[in-house]
Amino acid sequence: MPKPLIFISHIHQEQEIAILLEKELARIFLEGVEFFVSSDRRSLRGGDDWLREIKRALTEAAIVLALVSPRSVDKTWINFESGAAWLHKRIIPLCHSGLKPSQLPQPMQSLVGFDLHEPIDLKDLFQLIGDAAGLRSPANDWQVLARSISEVTLKFGALPTRPYGAHSCWVFPRSEDIGTVGALEKSLAQCSAIKIYSVGANFLWSATHLEMLEERIVEKLAAARICMADFTSNGIRSRMEEEPEHPIGVPGSEHLIRRLIRLESRVADPSRFSLRVFAHYPTYAMLGFDDQVYVYPYGYRSLGNYSPTFYWAGNDPAAKFFHDQFELVWHDARPAADVYG
């Protein structure tokens, strides 16, 4: 009876992990399985048509093990070999070097994957292979194997600076840091569409910024929608009472609201400028300038006056989330003139 064939798919740079895995599988299953590892001279001999041999091995394989890491998950070759086996074979993603099974892209994420650095995952993996091959998986020290794999991955050098699946985001240390304020000024000066959702809109407490906003709206260089807190509501009042101090307080924020109401009346065109107030308990502030988004989280007993500020731009999913949230808040908010007019 022929031995079941296990195909190990990997990129060339990670061949040492593939060979280590092959040796451990052969040792534990007492040579009861055969392997195809494209980096192993025994799998591909001199003169072989390697593409034809890979196709043959994929056709004959009982199981395809796909080694995936932050370096290899997007590589054409891994996806080619996995895709070739997709319809008829058992494919098992084996994650390592920081990539987790939950981070795998679809359709690979729909498969049962394992983390090669986790002893319990190694135990379950070898048990699954043994069941599929009709072989018994003996006891083994999985901690030792996990450490061996980790030692090999360290030879590959530093991991990518950004975890797989993550999107880029700039973070300013404080909302009132000179770098944050400078970036906001530049965004305001260049944009054509403005969205602000904030308890007190502290960026506009500066006369320079408020006058710049007013000028761009009046000169028809930009359109703006601003949603501030309704300080007459109990929910907002209770939130403000949590603050140990506030730079301008409720009176200062209400003064800004009334000034913006006068701007709204002067412009007299809701498509160019509109002001609303919300009454729900706020958890963050957002300033949107075209496709740019700045977000200040509201901490415990702290509004966004001194919080870190997160910045996204373009089609980033996080930016889209906050743009969509603004539309929901805007829909439920009341015209400011109805409350303060």
C-alpha atoms as a PDB file:
ATOM      1  CA  MET A   1       0.000   0.000   0.000  1.00  0.00           C
ATOM      2  CA  PRO A   2       1.557   3.363  -1.010  1.00  0.00           C
ATOM      3  CA  LYS A   3       2.373   5.821   1.744  1.00  0.00           C
ATOM      4  CA  PRO A   4       0.239   8.984   1.898  1.00  0.00           C
ATOM      5  CA  LEU A   5       1.961  12.000   0.348  1.00  0.00           C
ATOM      6  CA  ILE A   6       2.173  15.299   2.184  1.00  0.00           C
ATOM      7  CA  PHE A   7       2.879  18.364   0.040  1.00  0.00           C
ATOM      8  CA  ILE A   8       4.596  21.232   1.898  1.00  0.00           C
ATOM      9  CA  SER A   9       4.117  24.560   0.121  1.00  0.00           C
ATOM     10  CA  HIS A  10       6.463  27.418   1.045  1.00  0.00           C
ATOM     11  CA  ILE A  11       8.490  30.276  -0.350  1.00  0.00           C
ATOM     12  CA  HIS A  12      12.201  29.718  -0.972  1.00  0.00           C
ATOM     13  CA  GLN A  13      13.297  31.985   1.914  1.00  0.00           C
ATOM     14  CA  GLU A  14      11.422  29.791   4.412  1.00  0.00           C
ATOM     15  CA  GLN A  15      12.657  26.421   3.203  1.00  0.00           C
ATOM     16  CA  GLU A  16      14.400  25.697   6.526  1.00  0.00           C
ATOM     17  CA  ILE A  17      11.019  25.564   8.291  1.00  0.00           C
ATOM     18  CA  ALA A  18       9.653  23.235   5.594  1.00  0.00           C
ATOM     19  CA  ILE A  19      12.615  20.881   5.960  1.00  0.00           C
ATOM     20  CA  LEU A  20      12.387  20.936   9.781  1.00  0.00           C
ATOM     21  CA  LEU A  21       8.679  20.127   9.584  1.00  0.00           C
ATOM     22  CA  GLU A  22       9.338  17.295   7.137  1.00  0.00           C
ATOM     23  CA  LYS A  23      11.974  15.747   9.429  1.00  0.00           C
ATOM     24  CA  GLU A  24       9.683  15.934  12.474  1.00  0.00           C
ATOM     25  CA  LEU A  25       6.748  14.418  10.590  1.00  0.00           C
ATOM     26  CA  ALA A  26       8.954  11.588   9.301  1.00  0.00           C
ATOM     27  CA  ARG A  27      10.341  10.946  12.791  1.00  0.00           C
ATOM     28  CA  ILE A  28       7.002  10.983  14.605  1.00  0.00           C
ATOM     29  CA  PHE A  29       5.183   8.876  12.026  1.00  0.00           C
ATOM     30  CA  LEU A  30       8.121   6.459  11.711  1.00  0.00           C
ATOM     31  CA  GLU A  31       8.587   7.036   7.958  1.00  0.00           C
ATOM     32  CA  GLY A  32       4.929   6.164   7.384  1.00  0.00           C
ATOM     33  CA  VAL A  33       4.378   9.175   5.118  1.00  0.00           C
ATOM     34  CA  GLU A  34       6.108  10.605   2.077  1.00  0.00           C
ATOM     35  CA  PHE A  35       6.753  14.258   1.342  1.00  0.00           C
ATOM     36  CA  PHE A  36       7.068  16.699  -1.479  1.00  0.00           C
ATOM     37  CA  VAL A  37       9.080  19.769  -0.511  1.00  0.00           C
ATOM     38  CA  SER A  38      10.147  21.784  -3.528  1.00  0.00           C
ATOM     39  CA  SER A  39      13.353  22.929  -1.803  1.00  0.00           C
ATOM     40  CA  ASP A  40      14.376  19.342  -0.956  1.00  0.00           C
ATOM     41  CA  ARG A  41      16.696  17.667  -3.497  1.00  0.00           C
ATOM     42  CA  ARG A  42      14.886  14.380  -2.901  1.00  0.00           C
ATOM     43  CA  SER A  43      11.607  15.887  -4.139  1.00  0.00           C
ATOM     44  CA  LEU A  44      13.009  17.476  -7.283  1.00  0.00           C
ATOM     45  CA  ARG A  45      15.941  15.763  -8.993  1.00  0.00           C
ATOM     46  CA  GLY A  46      18.241  17.294 -11.546  1.00  0.00           C
ATOM     47  CA  GLY A  47      16.628  17.305 -14.969  1.00  0.00           C
ATOM     48  CA  ASP A  48      13.048  17.104 -13.639  1.00  0.00           C
ATOM     49  CA  ASP A  49      10.483  19.396 -15.175  1.00  0.00           C
ATOM     50  CA  TRP A  50       9.775  21.084 -11.844  1.00  0.00           C
ATOM     51  CA  LEU A  51       6.377  22.544 -12.793  1.00  0.00           C
ATOM     52  CA  ARG A  52       5.198  19.139 -14.038  1.00  0.00           C
ATOM     53  CA  GLU A  53       6.519  17.480 -10.853  1.00  0.00           C
ATOM     54  CA  ILE A  54       4.738  19.997  -8.658  1.00  0.00           C
ATOM     55  CA  LYS A  55       1.496  19.399 -10.529  1.00  0.00           C
ATOM     56  CA  ARG A  56       1.932  15.631 -10.112  1.00  0.00           C
ATOM     57  CA  ALA A  57       2.669  15.967  -6.404  1.00  0.00           C
ATOM     58  CA  LEU A  58      -0.371  18.200  -5.860  1.00  0.00           C
ATOM     59  CA  THR A  59      -2.522  15.652  -7.682  1.00  0.00           C
ATOM     60  CA  GLU A  60      -1.230  12.758  -5.566  1.00  0.00           C
ATOM     61  CA  ALA A  61      -1.027  14.542  -2.200  1.00  0.00           C
ATOM     62  CA  ALA A  62      -3.309  13.518   0.635  1.00  0.00           C
ATOM     63  CA  ILE A  63      -2.708  16.805   2.460  1.00  0.00           C
ATOM     64  CA  VAL A  64      -1.248  20.162   1.440  1.00  0.00           C
ATOM     65  CA  LEU A  65       0.509  22.089   4.215  1.00  0.00           C
ATOM     66  CA  ALA A  66       0.894  25.768   3.317  1.00  0.00           C
ATOM     67  CA  LEU A  67       3.513  27.689   5.317  1.00  0.00           C
ATOM     68  CA  VAL A  68       2.307  31.289   5.612  1.00  0.00           C
ATOM     69  CA  SER A  69       3.897  34.275   7.320  1.00  0.00           C
ATOM     70  CA  PRO A  70       3.746  38.073   6.986  1.00  0.00           C
ATOM     71  CA  ARG A  71       6.381  37.654   4.254  1.00  0.00           C
ATOM     72  CA  SER A  72       4.724  34.912   2.262  1.00  0.00           C
ATOM     73  CA  VAL A  73       0.970  35.313   2.659  1.00  0.00           C
ATOM     74  CA  ASP A  74       0.687  37.538  -0.427  1.00  0.00           C
ATOM     75  CA  LYS A  75       3.239  35.667  -2.518  1.00  0.00           C
ATOM     76  CA  THR A  76       1.963  34.404  -5.837  1.00  0.00           C
ATOM     77  CA  TRP A  77       3.571  30.981  -5.445  1.00  0.00           C
ATOM     78  CA  ILE A  78       1.883  30.128  -2.131  1.00  0.00           C
ATOM     79  CA  ASN A  79      -1.480  31.178  -3.521  1.00  0.00           C
ATOM     80  CA  PHE A  80      -0.851  29.274  -6.767  1.00  0.00           C
ATOM     81  CA  GLU A  81      -0.054  25.979  -5.037  1.00  0.00           C
ATOM     82  CA  SER A  82      -2.877  26.353  -2.523  1.00  0.00           C
ATOM     83  CA  GLY A  83      -5.307  27.335  -5.244  1.00  0.00           C
ATOM     84  CA  ALA A  84      -4.295  24.381  -7.398  1.00  0.00           C
ATOM     85  CA  ALA A  85      -5.180  22.019  -4.543  1.00  0.00           C
ATOM     86  CA  TRP A  86      -8.248  23.919  -3.388  1.00  0.00           C
ATOM     87  CA  LEU A  87     -11.031  21.891  -4.963  1.00  0.00           C
ATOM     88  CA  HIS A  88      -9.875  18.348  -4.228  1.00  0.00           C
ATOM     89  CA  LYS A  89      -7.351  18.385  -1.372  1.00  0.00           C
ATOM     90  CA  ARG A  90      -7.192  18.985   2.366  1.00  0.00           C
ATOM     91  CA  ILE A  91      -5.281  22.269   2.701  1.00  0.00           C
ATOM     92  CA  ILE A  92      -3.923  23.274   6.116  1.00  0.00           C
ATOM     93  CA  PRO A  93      -2.468  26.782   6.559  1.00  0.00           C
ATOM     94  CA  LEU A  94       0.479  26.780   8.989  1.00  0.00           C
ATOM     95  CA  CYS A  95       1.090  30.285  10.316  1.00  0.00           C
ATOM     96  CA  HIS A  96       4.366  31.504  11.778  1.00  0.00           C
ATOM     97  CA  SER A  97       6.552  34.581  12.359  1.00  0.00           C
ATOM     98  CA  GLY A  98       3.718  36.624  13.862  1.00  0.00           C
ATOM     99  CA  LEU A  99       0.907  35.855  11.427  1.00  0.00           C
ATOM    100  CA  LYS A 100      -2.142  34.372  13.167  1.00  0.00           C
ATOM    101  CA  PRO A 101      -4.782  32.113  11.576  1.00  0.00           C
ATOM    102  CA  SER A 102      -7.396  34.805  12.270  1.00  0.00           C
ATOM    103  CA  GLN A 103      -5.413  37.225  10.068  1.00  0.00           C
ATOM    104  CA  LEU A 104      -5.383  35.005   6.996  1.00  0.00           C
ATOM    105  CA  PRO A 105      -7.107  36.476   3.940  1.00  0.00           C
ATOM    106  CA  GLN A 106     -10.088  34.766   2.410  1.00  0.00           C
ATOM    107  CA  PRO A 107     -10.551  32.131   1.187  1.00  0.00           C
ATOM    108  CA  MET A 108      -7.652  30.717   3.240  1.00  0.00           C
ATOM    109  CA  GLN A 109      -9.185  32.018   6.470  1.00  0.00           C
ATOM    110  CA  SER A 110     -12.142  29.670   6.032  1.00  0.00           C
ATOM    111  CA  LEU A 111      -9.779  26.710   6.454  1.00  0.00           C
ATOM    112  CA  VAL A 112      -8.641  25.324   9.804  1.00  0.00           C
ATOM    113  CA  GLY A 113      -5.220  26.872  10.367  1.00  0.00           C
ATOM    114  CA  PHE A 114      -2.544  26.369  13.025  1.00  0.00           C
ATOM    115  CA  ASP A 115       0.111  28.521  14.678  1.00  0.00           C
ATOM    116  CA  LEU A 116       3.481  26.741  14.485  1.00  0.00           C
ATOM    117  CA  HIS A 117       4.714  28.601  17.562  1.00  0.00           C
ATOM    118  CA  GLU A 118       1.931  27.204  19.780  1.00  0.00           C
ATOM    119  CA  PRO A 119       2.578  23.717  21.290  1.00  0.00           C
ATOM    120  CA  ILE A 120      -1.137  22.911  21.503  1.00  0.00           C
ATOM    121  CA  ASP A 121      -1.570  23.790  17.826  1.00  0.00           C
ATOM    122  CA  LEU A 122       1.342  21.528  16.891  1.00  0.00           C
ATOM    123  CA  LYS A 123      -0.200  18.667  18.833  1.00  0.00           C
ATOM    124  CA  ASP A 124      -3.564  19.144  17.100  1.00  0.00           C
ATOM    125  CA  LEU A 125      -1.863  19.478  13.696  1.00  0.00           C
ATOM    126  CA  PHE A 126       0.052  16.208  14.022  1.00  0.00           C
ATOM    127  CA  GLN A 127      -3.085  14.486  15.303  1.00  0.00           C
ATOM    128  CA  LEU A 128      -5.041  15.717  12.273  1.00  0.00           C
ATOM    129  CA  ILE A 129      -2.308  14.537   9.878  1.00  0.00           C
ATOM    130  CA  GLY A 130      -2.177  11.169  11.603  1.00  0.00           C
ATOM    131  CA  ASP A 131      -5.949  10.735  11.320  1.00  0.00           C
ATOM    132  CA  ALA A 132      -5.923  11.703   7.639  1.00  0.00           C
ATOM    133  CA  ALA A 133      -3.056   9.314   6.911  1.00  0.00           C
ATOM    134  CA  GLY A 134      -4.478   6.485   9.013  1.00  0.00           C
ATOM    135  CA  LEU A 135      -1.492   6.677  11.382  1.00  0.00           C
ATOM    136  CA  ARG A 136      -1.284   7.022  15.117  1.00  0.00           C
ATOM    137  CA  SER A 137       0.395  10.168  16.459  1.00  0.00           C
ATOM    138  CA  PRO A 138       2.607   9.199  19.414  1.00  0.00           C
ATOM    139  CA  ALA A 139       3.367  11.401  22.412  1.00  0.00           C
ATOM    140  CA  ASN A 140       5.882  14.156  21.759  1.00  0.00           C
ATOM    141  CA  ASP A 141       7.368  17.180  23.500  1.00  0.00           C
ATOM    142  CA  TRP A 142       5.547  19.898  21.557  1.00  0.00           C
ATOM    143  CA  GLN A 143       7.200  22.673  23.562  1.00  0.00           C
ATOM    144  CA  VAL A 144      10.592  21.613  22.183  1.00  0.00           C
ATOM    145  CA  LEU A 145       9.322  21.565  18.586  1.00  0.00           C
ATOM    146  CA  ALA A 146       7.685  24.984  19.007  1.00  0.00           C
ATOM    147  CA  ARG A 147      10.980  26.411  20.279  1.00  0.00           C
ATOM    148  CA  SER A 148      12.889  24.843  17.383  1.00  0.00           C
ATOM    149  CA  ILE A 149      10.551  26.452  14.876  1.00  0.00           C
ATOM    150  CA  SER A 150      10.825  29.808  16.651  1.00  0.00           C
ATOM    151  CA  GLU A 151      14.627  29.606  16.552  1.00  0.00           C
ATOM    152  CA  VAL A 152      14.543  28.991  12.799  1.00  0.00           C
ATOM    153  CA  THR A 153      12.205  31.927  12.158  1.00  0.00           C
ATOM    154  CA  LEU A 154      14.547  34.271  14.028  1.00  0.00           C
ATOM    155  CA  LYS A 155      17.132  33.675  11.295  1.00  0.00           C
ATOM    156  CA  PHE A 156      14.877  35.379   8.783  1.00  0.00           C
ATOM    157  CA  GLY A 157      15.567  38.772  10.320  1.00  0.00           C
ATOM    158  CA  ALA A 158      13.143  41.440  11.431  1.00  0.00           C
ATOM    159  CA  LEU A 159       9.448  41.053  10.775  1.00  0.00           C
ATOM    160  CA  PRO A 160       7.656  43.562   8.588  1.00  0.00           C
ATOM    161  CA  THR A 161       7.083  46.759  10.563  1.00  0.00           C
ATOM    162  CA  ARG A 162       3.326  46.513  10.146  1.00  0.00           C
ATOM    163  CA  PRO A 163       1.366  43.375  11.111  1.00  0.00           C
ATOM    164  CA  TYR A 164      -0.309  41.664   8.183  1.00  0.00           C
ATOM    165  CA  GLY A 165      -3.818  42.978   7.671  1.00  0.00           C
ATOM    166  CA  ALA A 166      -3.179  46.263   9.477  1.00  0.00           C
ATOM    167  CA  HIS A 167      -3.601  49.634   7.791  1.00  0.00           C
ATOM    168  CA  SER A 168      -1.393  52.637   8.244  1.00  0.00           C
ATOM    169  CA  CYS A 169      -2.360  55.370  10.687  1.00  0.00           C
ATOM    170  CA  TRP A 170      -0.507  58.477  11.861  1.00  0.00           C
ATOM    171  CA  VAL A 171      -0.718  59.215  15.582  1.00  0.00           C
ATOM    172  CA  PHE A 172      -0.045  62.653  17.058  1.00  0.00           C
ATOM    173  CA  PRO A 173       0.936  62.564  20.762  1.00  0.00           C
ATOM    174  CA  ARG A 174      -1.572  65.261  21.820  1.00  0.00           C
ATOM    175  CA  SER A 175      -4.471  67.024  20.198  1.00  0.00           C
ATOM    176  CA  GLU A 176      -2.919  70.401  21.049  1.00  0.00           C
ATOM    177  CA  ASP A 177       0.607  69.429  20.043  1.00  0.00           C
ATOM    178  CA  ILE A 178       2.158  71.877  17.586  1.00  0.00           C
ATOM    179  CA  GLY A 179       2.384  69.101  14.979  1.00  0.00           C
ATOM    180  CA  THR A 180      -1.324  68.276  15.331  1.00  0.00           C
ATOM    181  CA  VAL A 181      -2.396  71.905  15.102  1.00  0.00           C
ATOM    182  CA  GLY A 182      -0.155  72.513  12.095  1.00  0.00           C
ATOM    183  CA  ALA A 183      -1.573  69.513  10.254  1.00  0.00           C
ATOM    184  CA  LEU A 184      -5.143  70.595  11.015  1.00  0.00           C
ATOM    185  CA  GLU A 185      -4.453  74.117   9.763  1.00  0.00           C
ATOM    186  CA  LYS A 186      -3.036  72.774   6.506  1.00  0.00           C
ATOM    187  CA  SER A 187      -6.035  70.451   6.011  1.00  0.00           C
ATOM    188  CA  LEU A 188      -8.504  73.263   6.692  1.00  0.00           C
ATOM    189  CA  ALA A 189      -6.707  75.624   4.292  1.00  0.00           C
ATOM    190  CA  GLN A 190      -6.754  73.138   1.391  1.00  0.00           C
ATOM    191  CA  CYS A 191     -10.018  71.189   1.679  1.00  0.00           C
ATOM    192  CA  SER A 192     -13.392  71.743   0.045  1.00  0.00           C
ATOM    193  CA  ALA A 193     -15.583  69.663   2.391  1.00  0.00           C
ATOM    194  CA  ILE A 194     -15.481  69.910   6.201  1.00  0.00           C
ATOM    195  CA  LYS A 195     -17.135  67.696   8.820  1.00  0.00           C
ATOM    196  CA  ILE A 196     -16.694  68.356  12.541  1.00  0.00           C
ATOM    197  CA  TYR A 197     -18.250  66.278  15.311  1.00  0.00           C
ATOM    198  CA  SER A 198     -17.121  67.377  18.754  1.00  0.00           C
ATOM    199  CA  VAL A 199     -18.441  68.402  22.163  1.00  0.00           C
ATOM    200  CA  GLY A 200     -16.887  71.849  22.074  1.00  0.00           C
ATOM    201  CA  ALA A 201     -14.987  71.934  18.744  1.00  0.00           C
ATOM    202  CA  ASN A 202     -11.802  72.999  20.543  1.00  0.00           C
ATOM    203  CA  PHE A 203      -9.939  73.464  17.240  1.00  0.00           C
ATOM    204  CA  LEU A 204     -12.218  76.441  16.586  1.00  0.00           C
ATOM    205  CA  TRP A 205     -11.534  78.090  19.969  1.00  0.00           C
ATOM    206  CA  SER A 206      -8.548  79.682  18.237  1.00  0.00           C
ATOM    207  CA  ALA A 207      -9.603  82.941  16.578  1.00  0.00           C
ATOM    208  CA  THR A 208      -7.231  82.168  13.694  1.00  0.00           C
ATOM    209  CA  HIS A 209      -8.872  78.839  12.926  1.00  0.00           C
ATOM    210  CA  LEU A 210     -12.423  80.127  13.352  1.00  0.00           C
ATOM    211  CA  GLU A 211     -11.770  83.068  11.047  1.00  0.00           C
ATOM    212  CA  MET A 212     -10.154  80.768   8.479  1.00  0.00           C
ATOM    213  CA  LEU A 213     -13.244  78.531   8.568  1.00  0.00           C
ATOM    214  CA  GLU A 214     -15.601  81.485   8.187  1.00  0.00           C
ATOM    215  CA  GLU A 215     -13.596  82.967   5.328  1.00  0.00           C
ATOM    216  CA  ARG A 216     -13.491  79.707   3.353  1.00  0.00           C
ATOM    217  CA  ILE A 217     -17.233  79.220   3.754  1.00  0.00           C
ATOM    218  CA  VAL A 218     -18.178  82.830   2.911  1.00  0.00           C
ATOM    219  CA  GLU A 219     -15.835  82.883  -0.092  1.00  0.00           C
ATOM    220  CA  LYS A 220     -17.395  79.605  -1.288  1.00  0.00           C
ATOM    221  CA  LEU A 221     -14.068  77.783  -1.101  1.00  0.00           C
ATOM    222  CA  ALA A 222     -15.429  75.094   1.196  1.00  0.00           C
ATOM    223  CA  ALA A 223     -18.681  73.684   2.559  1.00  0.00           C
ATOM    224  CA  ALA A 224     -18.988  72.651   6.191  1.00  0.00           C
ATOM    225  CA  ARG A 225     -21.233  70.674   8.498  1.00  0.00           C
ATOM    226  CA  ILE A 226     -20.523  71.014  12.213  1.00  0.00           C
ATOM    227  CA  CYS A 227     -22.151  68.974  14.973  1.00  0.00           C
ATOM    228  CA  MET A 228     -21.513  70.136  18.552  1.00  0.00           C
ATOM    229  CA  ALA A 229     -22.950  69.181  21.930  1.00  0.00           C
ATOM    230  CA  ASP A 230     -26.337  70.411  23.088  1.00  0.00           C
ATOM    231  CA  PHE A 231     -25.322  71.788  26.476  1.00  0.00           C
ATOM    232  CA  THR A 232     -28.968  72.195  27.490  1.00  0.00           C
ATOM    233  CA  SER A 233     -29.424  68.400  27.562  1.00  0.00           C
ATOM    234  CA  ASN A 234     -28.996  66.381  30.758  1.00  0.00           C
ATOM    235  CA  GLY A 235     -26.746  63.832  29.027  1.00  0.00           C
ATOM    236  CA  ILE A 236     -24.209  66.441  27.941  1.00  0.00           C
ATOM    237  CA  ARG A 237     -24.424  68.285  31.266  1.00  0.00           C
ATOM    238  CA  SER A 238     -23.598  65.083  33.165  1.00  0.00           C
ATOM    239  CA  ARG A 239     -20.677  64.418  30.823  1.00  0.00           C
ATOM    240  CA  MET A 240     -19.294  67.893  31.427  1.00  0.00           C
ATOM    241  CA  GLU A 241     -19.631  67.476  35.190  1.00  0.00           C
ATOM    242  CA  GLU A 242     -17.177  64.561  34.981  1.00  0.00           C
ATOM    243  CA  GLU A 243     -14.460  66.923  33.769  1.00  0.00           C
ATOM    244  CA  PRO A 244     -12.076  68.099  36.492  1.00  0.00           C
ATOM    245  CA  GLU A 245     -11.535  71.227  34.395  1.00  0.00           C
ATOM    246  CA  HIS A 246     -12.336  72.490  30.927  1.00  0.00           C
ATOM    247  CA  PRO A 247     -10.339  75.126  28.998  1.00  0.00           C
ATOM    248  CA  ILE A 248     -13.324  77.335  28.148  1.00  0.00           C
ATOM    249  CA  GLY A 249     -16.172  75.480  29.852  1.00  0.00           C
ATOM    250  CA  VAL A 250     -19.821  75.327  28.883  1.00  0.00           C
ATOM    251  CA  PRO A 251     -20.266  79.126  28.547  1.00  0.00           C
ATOM    252  CA  GLY A 252     -17.347  79.347  26.127  1.00  0.00           C
ATOM    253  CA  SER A 253     -18.643  76.438  24.022  1.00  0.00           C
ATOM    254  CA  GLU A 254     -22.145  77.915  23.899  1.00  0.00           C
ATOM    255  CA  HIS A 255     -20.654  81.252  22.817  1.00  0.00           C
ATOM    256  CA  LEU A 256     -18.979  79.418  19.888  1.00  0.00           C
ATOM    257  CA  ILE A 257     -22.295  77.775  18.981  1.00  0.00           C
ATOM    258  CA  ARG A 258     -24.045  81.149  18.852  1.00  0.00           C
ATOM    259  CA  ARG A 259     -21.308  82.625  16.682  1.00  0.00           C
ATOM    260  CA  LEU A 260     -21.618  79.701  14.275  1.00  0.00           C
ATOM    261  CA  ILE A 261     -25.403  80.171  14.220  1.00  0.00           C
ATOM    262  CA  ARG A 262     -24.817  83.749  13.089  1.00  0.00           C
ATOM    263  CA  LEU A 263     -22.524  82.432  10.344  1.00  0.00           C
ATOM    264  CA  GLU A 264     -25.253  79.976   9.304  1.00  0.00           C
ATOM    265  CA  SER A 265     -27.767  82.798   9.103  1.00  0.00           C
ATOM    266  CA  ARG A 266     -25.339  84.950   7.123  1.00  0.00           C
ATOM    267  CA  VAL A 267     -24.596  82.208   4.579  1.00  0.00           C
ATOM    268  CA  ALA A 268     -28.262  81.166   4.396  1.00  0.00           C
ATOM    269  CA  ASP A 269     -27.422  78.079   2.350  1.00  0.00           C
ATOM    270  CA  PRO A 270     -27.479  74.682   4.150  1.00  0.00           C
ATOM    271  CA  SER A 271     -25.436  73.121   1.357  1.00  0.00           C
ATOM    272  CA  ARG A 272     -22.562  75.494   2.190  1.00  0.00           C
ATOM    273  CA  PHE A 273     -22.849  75.623   5.978  1.00  0.00           C
ATOM    274  CA  SER A 274     -25.045  73.915   8.533  1.00  0.00           C
ATOM    275  CA  LEU A 275     -24.800  73.546  12.326  1.00  0.00           C
ATOM    276  CA  ARG A 276     -26.456  70.899  14.479  1.00  0.00           C
ATOM    277  CA  VAL A 277     -26.253  69.775  18.102  1.00  0.00           C
ATOM    278  CA  PHE A 278     -26.338  66.268  19.561  1.00  0.00           C
ATOM    279  CA  ALA A 279     -27.523  65.118  23.002  1.00  0.00           C
ATOM    280  CA  HIS A 280     -26.045  61.607  23.327  1.00  0.00           C
ATOM    281  CA  TYR A 281     -23.060  60.656  25.501  1.00  0.00           C
ATOM    282  CA  PRO A 282     -19.970  61.340  23.337  1.00  0.00           C
ATOM    283  CA  THR A 283     -16.882  59.089  23.204  1.00  0.00           C
ATOM    284  CA  TYR A 284     -14.693  60.838  20.631  1.00  0.00           C
ATOM    285  CA  ALA A 285     -14.340  63.920  18.443  1.00  0.00           C
ATOM    286  CA  MET A 286     -13.829  63.812  14.677  1.00  0.00           C
ATOM    287  CA  LEU A 287     -12.612  66.411  12.222  1.00  0.00           C
ATOM    288  CA  GLY A 288     -12.935  65.493   8.555  1.00  0.00           C
ATOM    289  CA  PHE A 289     -11.381  67.445   5.691  1.00  0.00           C
ATOM    290  CA  ASP A 290     -12.220  65.876   2.318  1.00  0.00           C
ATOM    291  CA  ASP A 291     -10.854  62.319   2.623  1.00  0.00           C
ATOM    292  CA  GLN A 292      -8.764  63.079   5.725  1.00  0.00           C
ATOM    293  CA  VAL A 293      -9.944  62.192   9.220  1.00  0.00           C
ATOM    294  CA  TYR A 294      -8.605  63.296  12.615  1.00  0.00           C
ATOM    295  CA  VAL A 295     -10.025  61.536  15.689  1.00  0.00           C
ATOM    296  CA  TYR A 296      -9.559  62.475  19.373  1.00  0.00           C
ATOM    297  CA  PRO A 297     -10.704  59.727  21.783  1.00  0.00           C
ATOM    298  CA  TYR A 298     -12.516  60.907  24.920  1.00  0.00           C
ATOM    299  CA  GLY A 299     -11.030  59.224  27.957  1.00  0.00           C
ATOM    300  CA  TYR A 300     -12.324  58.792  31.483  1.00  0.00           C
ATOM    301  CA  ARG A 301     -12.889  62.297  32.886  1.00  0.00           C
ATOM    302  CA  SER A 302     -11.088  63.719  29.897  1.00  0.00           C
ATOM    303  CA  LEU A 303     -12.396  65.105  26.637  1.00  0.00           C
ATOM    304  CA  GLY A 304     -10.122  65.296  23.628  1.00  0.00           C
ATOM    305  CA  ASN A 305      -8.234  68.420  24.659  1.00  0.00           C
ATOM    306  CA  TYR A 306      -5.033  66.558  25.522  1.00  0.00           C
ATOM    307  CA  SER A 307      -5.632  63.107  24.028  1.00  0.00           C
ATOM    308  CA  PRO A 308      -3.633  61.408  21.263  1.00  0.00           C
ATOM    309  CA  THR A 309      -4.952  62.224  17.810  1.00  0.00           C
ATOM    310  CA  PHE A 310      -5.318  59.570  15.124  1.00  0.00           C
ATOM    311  CA  TYR A 311      -5.149  60.438  11.450  1.00  0.00           C
ATOM    312  CA  TRP A 312      -6.269  58.504   8.372  1.00  0.00           C
ATOM    313  CA  ALA A 313      -6.608  59.507   4.733  1.00  0.00           C
ATOM    314  CA  GLY A 314      -7.882  58.091   1.472  1.00  0.00           C
ATOM    315  CA  ASN A 315      -9.944  54.905   1.270  1.00  0.00           C
ATOM    316  CA  ASP A 316      -8.718  53.479   4.559  1.00  0.00           C
ATOM    317  CA  PRO A 317     -11.470  51.385   6.251  1.00  0.00           C
ATOM    318  CA  ALA A 318     -11.009  53.309   9.508  1.00  0.00           C
ATOM    319  CA  ALA A 319     -11.532  56.626   7.716  1.00  0.00           C
ATOM    320  CA  LYS A 320     -14.684  55.257   6.089  1.00  0.00           C
ATOM    321  CA  PHE A 321     -15.966  54.084   9.481  1.00  0.00           C
ATOM    322  CA  PHE A 322     -15.686  57.561  10.983  1.00  0.00           C
ATOM    323  CA  HIS A 323     -17.170  59.234   7.891  1.00  0.00           C
ATOM    324  CA  ASP A 324     -20.136  56.841   8.156  1.00  0.00           C
ATOM    325  CA  GLN A 325     -20.437  57.503  11.896  1.00  0.00           C
ATOM    326  CA  PHE A 326     -20.591  61.220  11.230  1.00  0.00           C
ATOM    327  CA  GLU A 327     -23.550  60.716   8.901  1.00  0.00           C
ATOM    328  CA  LEU A 328     -25.393  58.734  11.587  1.00  0.00           C
ATOM    329  CA  VAL A 329     -24.736  61.392  14.237  1.00  0.00           C
ATOM    330  CA  TRP A 330     -25.715  64.147  11.825  1.00  0.00           C
ATOM    331  CA  HIS A 331     -28.976  62.426  10.974  1.00  0.00           C
ATOM    332  CA  ASP A 332     -30.025  62.218  14.632  1.00  0.00           C
ATOM    333  CA  ALA A 333     -28.840  65.697  15.656  1.00  0.00           C
ATOM    334  CA  ARG A 334     -31.056  68.814  15.884  1.00  0.00           C
ATOM    335  CA  PRO A 335     -30.548  72.139  14.119  1.00  0.00           C
ATOM    336  CA  ALA A 336     -28.567  74.305  16.539  1.00  0.00           C
ATOM    337  CA  ALA A 337     -30.790  77.317  15.848  1.00  0.00           C
ATOM    338  CA  ASP A 338     -33.777  75.375  17.247  1.00  0.00           C
ATOM    339  CA  VAL A 339     -31.988  75.117  20.612  1.00  0.00           C
ATOM    340  CA  TYR A 340     -29.887  78.284  20.770  1.00  0.00           C
ATOM    341  CA  GLY A 341     -31.575  80.549  18.225  1.00  0.00           C
END
